[in-house]
C-alpha atoms as a PDB file:
ATOM      1  CA  MET A   1     191.389 146.835 159.476  1.00  0.00           C
ATOM      2  CA  ARG A   2     187.775 146.788 160.623  1.00  0.00           C
ATOM      3  CA  PHE A   3     186.671 145.426 163.949  1.00  0.00           C
ATOM      4  CA  PHE A   4     183.404 143.742 164.717  1.00  0.00           C
ATOM      5  CA  GLY A   5     180.717 146.141 165.861  1.00  0.00           C
ATOM      6  CA  THR A   6     182.183 149.146 164.064  1.00  0.00           C
ATOM      7  CA  SER A   7     179.431 151.155 162.451  1.00  0.00           C
ATOM      8  CA  THR A   8     179.803 152.463 158.924  1.00  0.00           C
ATOM      9  CA  ARG A   9     176.973 154.986 159.283  1.00  0.00           C
ATOM     10  CA  ARG A  10     177.816 158.623 159.694  1.00  0.00           C
ATOM     11  CA  HIS A  11     175.586 161.333 161.039  1.00  0.00           C
ATOM     12  CA  HIS A  12     175.480 164.513 159.016  1.00  0.00           C
ATOM     13  CA  ARG A  13     174.901 167.006 161.812  1.00  0.00           C
ATOM     14  CA  ALA A  14     176.294 169.885 159.729  1.00  0.00           C
ATOM     15  CA  PHE A  15     173.048 170.080 157.734  1.00  0.00           C
ATOM     16  CA  TYR A  16     170.685 169.603 160.649  1.00  0.00           C
ATOM     17  CA  ARG A  17     169.101 172.681 162.223  1.00  0.00           C
ATOM     18  CA  ARG A  18     166.562 172.715 165.002  1.00  0.00           C
ATOM     19  CA  ASP A  19     163.365 174.542 164.141  1.00  0.00           C
ATOM     20  CA  PRO A  20     162.918 177.203 166.864  1.00  0.00           C
ATOM     21  CA  ASP A  21     159.118 177.004 166.613  1.00  0.00           C
ATOM     22  CA  ARG A  22     159.139 173.271 167.278  1.00  0.00           C
ATOM     23  CA  VAL A  23     161.588 173.659 170.150  1.00  0.00           C
ATOM     24  CA  ALA A  24     159.376 176.336 171.705  1.00  0.00           C
ATOM     25  CA  GLY A  25     156.346 174.103 171.160  1.00  0.00           C
ATOM     26  CA  GLY A  26     158.022 171.310 173.081  1.00  0.00           C
ATOM     27  CA  TYR A  27     158.744 173.610 175.999  1.00  0.00           C
ATOM     28  CA  LYS A  28     155.146 174.895 175.949  1.00  0.00           C
ATOM     29  CA  ALA A  29     153.920 171.295 175.998  1.00  0.00           C
ATOM     30  CA  ALA A  30     156.152 170.570 178.993  1.00  0.00           C
ATOM     31  CA  LEU A  31     154.573 173.496 180.847  1.00  0.00           C
ATOM     32  CA  SER A  32     151.060 172.103 180.443  1.00  0.00           C
ATOM     33  CA  ASN A  33     151.936 168.403 180.877  1.00  0.00           C
ATOM     34  CA  PRO A  34     150.786 167.170 184.315  1.00  0.00           C
ATOM     35  CA  LYS A  35     153.611 164.603 184.465  1.00  0.00           C
ATOM     36  CA  THR A  36     156.356 167.226 184.117  1.00  0.00           C
ATOM     37  CA  THR A  37     158.239 167.865 187.347  1.00  0.00           C
ATOM     38  CA  ARG A  38     158.422 171.288 188.952  1.00  0.00           C
ATOM     39  CA  ALA A  39     162.097 171.503 188.003  1.00  0.00           C
ATOM     40  CA  GLY A  40     161.245 170.576 184.409  1.00  0.00           C
ATOM     41  CA  ARG A  41     158.599 173.287 184.202  1.00  0.00           C
ATOM     42  CA  LYS A  42     161.031 175.796 185.666  1.00  0.00           C
ATOM     43  CA  HIS A  43     163.647 174.844 183.054  1.00  0.00           C
ATOM     44  CA  ALA A  44     161.123 175.054 180.205  1.00  0.00           C
ATOM     45  CA  LYS A  45     159.981 178.482 181.377  1.00  0.00           C
ATOM     46  CA  ALA A  46     163.568 179.746 181.555  1.00  0.00           C
ATOM     47  CA  GLU A  47     164.310 178.421 178.060  1.00  0.00           C
ATOM     48  CA  LEU A  48     161.195 180.070 176.633  1.00  0.00           C
ATOM     49  CA  HIS A  49     162.150 183.379 178.248  1.00  0.00           C
ATOM     50  CA  SER A  50     165.686 183.100 176.853  1.00  0.00           C
ATOM     51  CA  MET A  51     164.166 182.543 173.384  1.00  0.00           C
ATOM     52  CA  GLY A  52     162.016 185.637 173.833  1.00  0.00           C
ATOM     53  CA  ARG A  53     158.792 183.614 173.856  1.00  0.00           C
ATOM     54  CA  SER A  54     155.786 183.710 176.143  1.00  0.00           C
ATOM     55  CA  ALA A  55     155.668 181.101 178.910  1.00  0.00           C
ATOM     56  CA  HIS A  56     152.015 181.753 179.766  1.00  0.00           C
ATOM     57  CA  VAL A  57     150.001 178.756 180.953  1.00  0.00           C
ATOM     58  CA  PRO A  58     146.200 179.148 181.151  1.00  0.00           C
ATOM     59  CA  LEU A  59     144.648 179.133 184.597  1.00  0.00           C
ATOM     60  CA  MET A  60     142.448 176.110 183.794  1.00  0.00           C
ATOM     61  CA  THR A  61     145.535 174.106 182.881  1.00  0.00           C
ATOM     62  CA  LYS A  62     147.117 174.960 186.226  1.00  0.00           C
ATOM     63  CA  ILE A  63     143.924 173.991 188.078  1.00  0.00           C
ATOM     64  CA  LYS A  64     143.622 170.687 186.207  1.00  0.00           C
ATOM     65  CA  ARG A  65     147.267 169.883 186.913  1.00  0.00           C
ATOM     66  CA  ALA A  66     146.854 170.688 190.614  1.00  0.00           C
ATOM     67  CA  LEU A  67     143.735 168.531 190.902  1.00  0.00           C
ATOM     68  CA  GLY A  68     145.101 165.714 188.744  1.00  0.00           C
ATOM     69  CA  ILE A  69     142.274 165.985 186.204  1.00  0.00           C
ATOM     70  CA  ARG A  70     143.134 164.285 182.931  1.00  0.00           C
ATOM     71  CA  LYS A  71     141.762 164.651 179.441  1.00  0.00           C
ATOM     72  CA  THR A  72     140.590 161.026 179.297  1.00  0.00           C
ATOM     73  CA  SER A  73     138.734 159.286 182.060  1.00  0.00           C
ATOM     74  CA  ARG A  74     140.222 156.344 183.929  1.00  0.00           C
ATOM     75  CA  ARG A  75     137.603 154.067 182.365  1.00  0.00           C
ATOM     76  CA  GLN A  76     138.622 155.081 178.833  1.00  0.00           C
ATOM     77  CA  ARG A  77     142.300 154.550 179.657  1.00  0.00           C
ATOM     78  CA  GLU A  78     141.560 151.075 181.083  1.00  0.00           C
ATOM     79  CA  VAL A  79     139.542 150.058 178.021  1.00  0.00           C
ATOM     80  CA  ALA A  80     142.291 151.283 175.674  1.00  0.00           C
ATOM     81  CA  SER A  81     145.054 149.498 177.587  1.00  0.00           C
ATOM     82  CA  SER A  82     143.102 146.221 177.746  1.00  0.00           C
ATOM     83  CA  SER A  83     142.442 146.316 173.986  1.00  0.00           C
ATOM     84  CA  ARG A  84     146.145 146.992 173.319  1.00  0.00           C
ATOM     85  CA  ARG A  85     147.064 144.112 175.605  1.00  0.00           C
ATOM     86  CA  ARG A  86     144.591 141.812 173.844  1.00  0.00           C
ATOM     87  CA  ASP A  87     145.918 142.842 170.412  1.00  0.00           C
ATOM     88  CA  HIS A  88     149.486 142.232 171.577  1.00  0.00           C
ATOM     89  CA  GLU A  89     148.578 138.733 172.777  1.00  0.00           C
ATOM     90  CA  HIS A  90     147.045 137.953 169.383  1.00  0.00           C
ATOM     91  CA  GLY A  91     149.996 139.313 167.431  1.00  0.00           C
ATOM     92  CA  HIS A  92     148.380 142.470 166.040  1.00  0.00           C
ATOM     93  CA  ARG A  93     150.775 145.317 165.364  1.00  0.00           C
ATOM     94  CA  HIS A  94     150.066 149.010 165.613  1.00  0.00           C
ATOM     95  CA  GLY A  95     151.808 152.293 164.960  1.00  0.00           C
ATOM     96  CA  ARG A  96     155.536 152.222 164.336  1.00  0.00           C
ATOM     97  CA  GLU A  97     155.746 148.446 164.471  1.00  0.00           C
ATOM     98  CA  ARG A  98     153.378 148.169 161.516  1.00  0.00           C
ATOM     99  CA  ARG A  99     155.244 150.834 159.544  1.00  0.00           C
ATOM    100  CA  ARG A 100     158.599 149.114 160.051  1.00  0.00           C
ATOM    101  CA  GLU A 101     157.369 146.035 158.215  1.00  0.00           C
ATOM    102  CA  TYR A 102     157.135 147.986 154.974  1.00  0.00           C
ATOM    103  CA  GLU A 103     160.358 149.971 155.184  1.00  0.00           C
ATOM    104  CA  TYR A 104     163.133 148.906 152.857  1.00  0.00           C
END
Protein backbone atom coordinates (compact mmCIF):
# COMPACT_ATOMS: atom_id res chain seq x y z
CA MET A 1 0.00 0.00 0.00
CA ARG A 2 1.38 3.39 -0.99
CA PHE A 3 1.05 6.47 1.15
CA PHE A 4 0.73 10.01 -0.04
CA GLY A 5 4.05 11.77 -0.41
CA THR A 6 6.03 8.59 -1.00
CA SER A 7 8.56 9.12 -3.74
CA THR A 8 9.05 6.53 -6.45
CA ARG A 9 12.41 7.95 -7.56
CA ARG A 10 15.56 6.14 -6.59
CA HIS A 11 19.05 7.53 -6.54
CA HIS A 12 21.69 5.38 -8.15
CA ARG A 13 24.66 6.32 -5.99
CA ALA A 14 26.51 3.10 -6.86
CA PHE A 15 27.46 4.50 -10.28
CA TYR A 16 28.30 8.00 -9.12
CA ARG A 17 31.96 8.87 -8.51
CA ARG A 18 33.31 12.25 -7.54
CA ASP A 19 35.95 13.58 -9.91
CA PRO A 20 39.02 14.33 -7.73
CA ASP A 21 40.08 17.20 -10.00
CA ARG A 22 36.73 18.93 -9.60
CA VAL A 23 36.74 18.37 -5.85
CA ALA A 24 40.23 19.87 -5.61
CA GLY A 25 39.10 22.77 -7.80
CA GLY A 26 36.27 23.51 -5.41
CA TYR A 27 38.64 23.59 -2.46
CA LYS A 28 41.04 25.86 -4.39
CA ALA A 29 38.13 28.18 -5.17
CA ALA A 30 37.21 28.27 -1.48
CA LEU A 31 40.76 29.34 -0.64
CA SER A 32 40.60 32.37 -2.94
CA ASN A 33 36.95 33.31 -2.27
CA PRO A 34 36.77 36.43 -0.06
CA LYS A 35 33.46 35.29 1.48
CA THR A 36 34.90 32.01 2.78
CA THR A 37 35.39 31.98 6.54
CA ARG A 38 38.76 31.38 8.15
CA ALA A 39 37.55 27.98 9.34
CA GLY A 40 36.39 27.13 5.82
CA ARG A 41 39.76 28.05 4.34
CA LYS A 42 41.50 25.98 7.00
CA HIS A 43 39.29 22.98 6.17
CA ALA A 44 39.87 23.38 2.42
CA LYS A 45 43.62 23.57 2.95
CA ALA A 46 43.61 20.43 5.09
CA GLU A 47 41.54 18.56 2.49
CA LEU A 48 43.89 19.60 -0.31
CA HIS A 49 46.90 18.45 1.71
CA SER A 50 45.20 15.11 2.43
CA MET A 51 44.63 14.71 -1.33
CA GLY A 52 48.29 15.44 -1.97
CA ARG A 53 47.52 18.69 -3.78
CA SER A 54 49.01 22.15 -3.47
CA ALA A 55 47.10 24.65 -1.33
CA HIS A 56 49.09 27.66 -2.55
CA VAL A 57 47.20 30.95 -2.77
CA PRO A 58 48.89 33.83 -4.64
CA LEU A 59 49.98 36.80 -2.58
CA MET A 60 47.79 39.22 -4.58
CA THR A 61 44.74 37.13 -3.77
CA LYS A 62 45.55 37.31 -0.07
CA ILE A 63 46.05 41.09 -0.28
CA LYS A 64 42.78 41.60 -2.16
CA ARG A 65 40.91 39.45 0.36
CA ALA A 66 42.42 41.37 3.29
CA LEU A 67 41.53 44.74 1.75
CA GLY A 68 38.10 43.63 0.54
CA ILE A 69 38.88 44.40 -3.11
CA ARG A 70 36.47 42.70 -5.48
CA LYS A 71 36.69 41.82 -9.13
CA THR A 72 33.71 44.01 -10.05
CA SER A 73 33.20 47.52 -8.81
CA ARG A 74 30.28 48.44 -6.57
CA ARG A 75 28.80 50.51 -9.40
CA GLN A 76 28.80 47.53 -11.78
CA ARG A 77 27.20 45.31 -9.13
CA GLU A 78 24.47 47.92 -8.49
CA VAL A 79 23.70 48.29 -12.20
CA ALA A 80 23.51 44.50 -12.63
CA SER A 81 21.24 44.03 -9.62
CA SER A 82 18.90 46.84 -10.69
CA SER A 83 18.58 45.38 -14.20
CA ARG A 84 17.84 41.93 -12.73
CA ARG A 85 15.24 43.48 -10.45
CA ARG A 86 13.66 45.35 -13.37
CA ASP A 87 13.59 42.17 -15.49
CA HIS A 88 12.00 40.25 -12.62
CA GLU A 89 9.28 42.88 -12.26
CA HIS A 90 8.51 42.61 -15.97
CA GLY A 91 8.44 38.82 -15.96
CA HIS A 92 11.68 38.17 -17.86
CA ARG A 93 13.38 34.90 -17.01
CA HIS A 94 17.08 34.19 -17.01
CA GLY A 95 19.42 31.27 -16.47
CA ARG A 96 17.98 28.11 -14.99
CA GLU A 97 14.44 29.43 -14.93
CA ARG A 98 14.49 29.84 -18.71
CA ARG A 99 16.00 26.39 -19.24
CA ARG A 100 13.35 24.71 -17.08
CA GLU A 101 10.61 25.87 -19.43
CA TYR A 102 11.95 23.65 -22.19
CA GLU A 103 12.73 20.53 -20.19
CA TYR A 104 10.41 17.59 -20.70
